[in-house]
């Protein structure tokens, strides 16, 4: 993918996620957020959470990210991931990856999941 195409895709994602209509749906995206995460940042954080396997607290994951991310950007990403049903942040701040669409589909195929 060319650099121009990547920027265009990121721009489209920004417009979709951070448009006024979605901002109303997501209470997490408020005007006081200084920096919103880029797509590659969200993917990097998702990967780090999956690799942590629930053994690390949110701050430990943040400190071990391959690239530096502002804390506020990181928290906005965690809020988005939690809202979208991909993670759960426990009371003790451990972050668990719960998104498993393939496994859920297998259970649905076996009629073990109530729809």
Protein backbone atom coordinates (compact mmCIF):
# COMPACT_ATOMS: atom_id res chain seq x y z
CA UNK A 1 0.00 0.00 0.00
CA UNK A 2 1.39 3.38 -0.95
CA UNK A 3 1.92 6.09 1.65
CA UNK A 4 -0.81 8.24 0.10
CA UNK A 5 -3.31 5.38 0.25
CA UNK A 6 -2.47 4.78 3.91
CA UNK A 7 -3.07 8.44 4.77
CA UNK A 8 -6.34 8.37 2.87
CA UNK A 9 -7.51 5.26 4.76
CA UNK A 10 -6.51 6.79 8.10
CA UNK A 11 -8.41 9.94 7.15
CA UNK A 12 -11.50 7.89 6.31
CA UNK A 13 -11.26 6.05 9.63
CA UNK A 14 -10.98 9.35 11.50
CA UNK A 15 -14.06 10.69 9.73
CA UNK A 16 -16.03 7.54 10.53
CA UNK A 17 -15.03 7.16 14.18
CA UNK A 18 -14.80 10.77 15.22
CA UNK A 19 -17.66 12.29 13.28
CA UNK A 20 -20.23 14.18 15.27
CA UNK A 21 -22.79 11.39 15.09
CA UNK A 22 -20.46 8.78 16.53
CA UNK A 23 -19.15 11.18 19.14
CA UNK A 24 -22.66 11.38 20.53
CA UNK A 25 -22.85 7.59 20.69
CA UNK A 26 -19.44 7.23 22.32
CA UNK A 27 -19.47 9.25 25.52
CA UNK A 28 -15.73 8.67 25.68
CA UNK A 29 -14.85 10.96 22.79
CA UNK A 30 -15.25 14.36 24.32
CA UNK A 31 -13.90 17.74 23.33
CA UNK A 32 -11.33 17.66 26.15
CA UNK A 33 -9.39 14.81 24.50
CA UNK A 34 -6.23 16.36 23.11
CA UNK A 35 -5.19 13.59 20.74
CA UNK A 36 -7.24 10.87 19.18
CA UNK A 37 -5.52 7.59 18.30
CA UNK A 38 -4.58 6.76 14.74
CA UNK A 39 -5.51 3.37 13.33
CA UNK A 40 -1.97 2.03 13.61
CA UNK A 41 -1.90 3.09 17.29
CA UNK A 42 -5.17 1.28 18.00
CA UNK A 43 -3.85 -1.86 16.31
CA UNK A 44 -0.57 -1.67 18.25
CA UNK A 45 -2.46 -1.37 21.55
CA UNK A 46 -4.80 -4.23 20.61
CA UNK A 47 -1.79 -6.44 19.85
CA UNK A 48 -0.12 -5.55 23.16
CA UNK A 49 -3.30 -6.37 25.10
CA UNK A 50 -3.67 -9.72 23.34
CA UNK A 51 -0.04 -10.61 24.11
CA UNK A 52 -0.46 -9.61 27.78
CA UNK A 53 -3.17 -12.31 28.16
CA UNK A 54 -4.70 -10.59 31.19
CA UNK A 55 -1.50 -10.83 33.23
CA UNK A 56 -0.66 -7.13 33.14
CA UNK A 57 -2.37 -4.02 34.41
CA UNK A 58 -3.20 -1.19 32.03
CA UNK A 59 -0.18 0.89 33.08
CA UNK A 60 2.22 -2.03 32.56
CA UNK A 61 0.86 -2.57 29.06
CA UNK A 62 1.26 1.14 28.32
CA UNK A 63 4.88 1.14 29.52
CA UNK A 64 5.70 -1.92 27.37
CA UNK A 65 4.25 -0.61 24.11
CA UNK A 66 6.73 -0.73 21.20
CA UNK A 67 6.16 2.99 20.48
CA UNK A 68 5.47 5.77 22.93
CA UNK A 69 1.86 6.84 23.19
CA UNK A 70 0.49 9.70 25.26
CA UNK A 71 -1.40 8.44 28.31
CA UNK A 72 -4.55 10.33 27.30
CA UNK A 73 -4.46 8.76 23.83
CA UNK A 74 -3.94 5.32 25.39
CA UNK A 75 -6.88 5.77 27.75
CA UNK A 76 -9.13 6.96 24.91
CA UNK A 77 -8.16 3.80 23.00
CA UNK A 78 -8.93 1.61 26.01
CA UNK A 79 -12.32 3.32 26.37
CA UNK A 80 -13.08 2.67 22.71
CA UNK A 81 -11.99 -0.99 22.91
CA UNK A 82 -14.05 -1.52 26.04
CA UNK A 83 -17.11 0.12 24.48
CA UNK A 84 -16.76 -2.01 21.33
CA UNK A 85 -16.68 -5.19 23.42
CA UNK A 86 -13.11 -6.20 22.66
CA UNK A 87 -11.66 -5.78 26.16
CA UNK A 88 -12.67 -5.70 29.80
CA UNK A 89 -10.82 -3.61 32.36
CA UNK A 90 -11.23 -5.23 35.77
CA UNK A 91 -11.43 -3.35 39.07
CA UNK A 92 -7.76 -4.08 39.77
CA UNK A 93 -6.95 -2.54 36.35
CA UNK A 94 -5.99 -5.82 34.64
CA UNK A 95 -6.95 -5.67 30.96
CA UNK A 96 -8.47 -8.79 29.38
CA UNK A 97 -8.96 -9.38 25.66
CA UNK A 98 -12.42 -10.93 25.22
CA UNK A 99 -13.06 -10.50 21.49
CA UNK A 100 -13.28 -13.97 19.93
CA UNK A 101 -15.66 -13.91 16.95
CA UNK A 102 -14.42 -17.23 15.48
CA UNK A 103 -15.00 -19.10 18.73
CA UNK A 104 -18.42 -17.51 19.18
CA UNK A 105 -19.38 -18.53 15.63
CA UNK A 106 -18.36 -22.12 16.40
CA UNK A 107 -20.61 -22.08 19.45
CA UNK A 108 -23.46 -20.59 17.42
CA UNK A 109 -23.02 -23.32 14.80
CA UNK A 110 -23.38 -25.91 17.56
CA UNK A 111 -26.41 -23.98 18.85
CA UNK A 112 -24.72 -23.43 22.23
CA UNK A 113 -25.09 -19.64 22.20
CA UNK A 114 -28.43 -17.96 22.76
CA UNK A 115 -28.98 -15.20 20.22
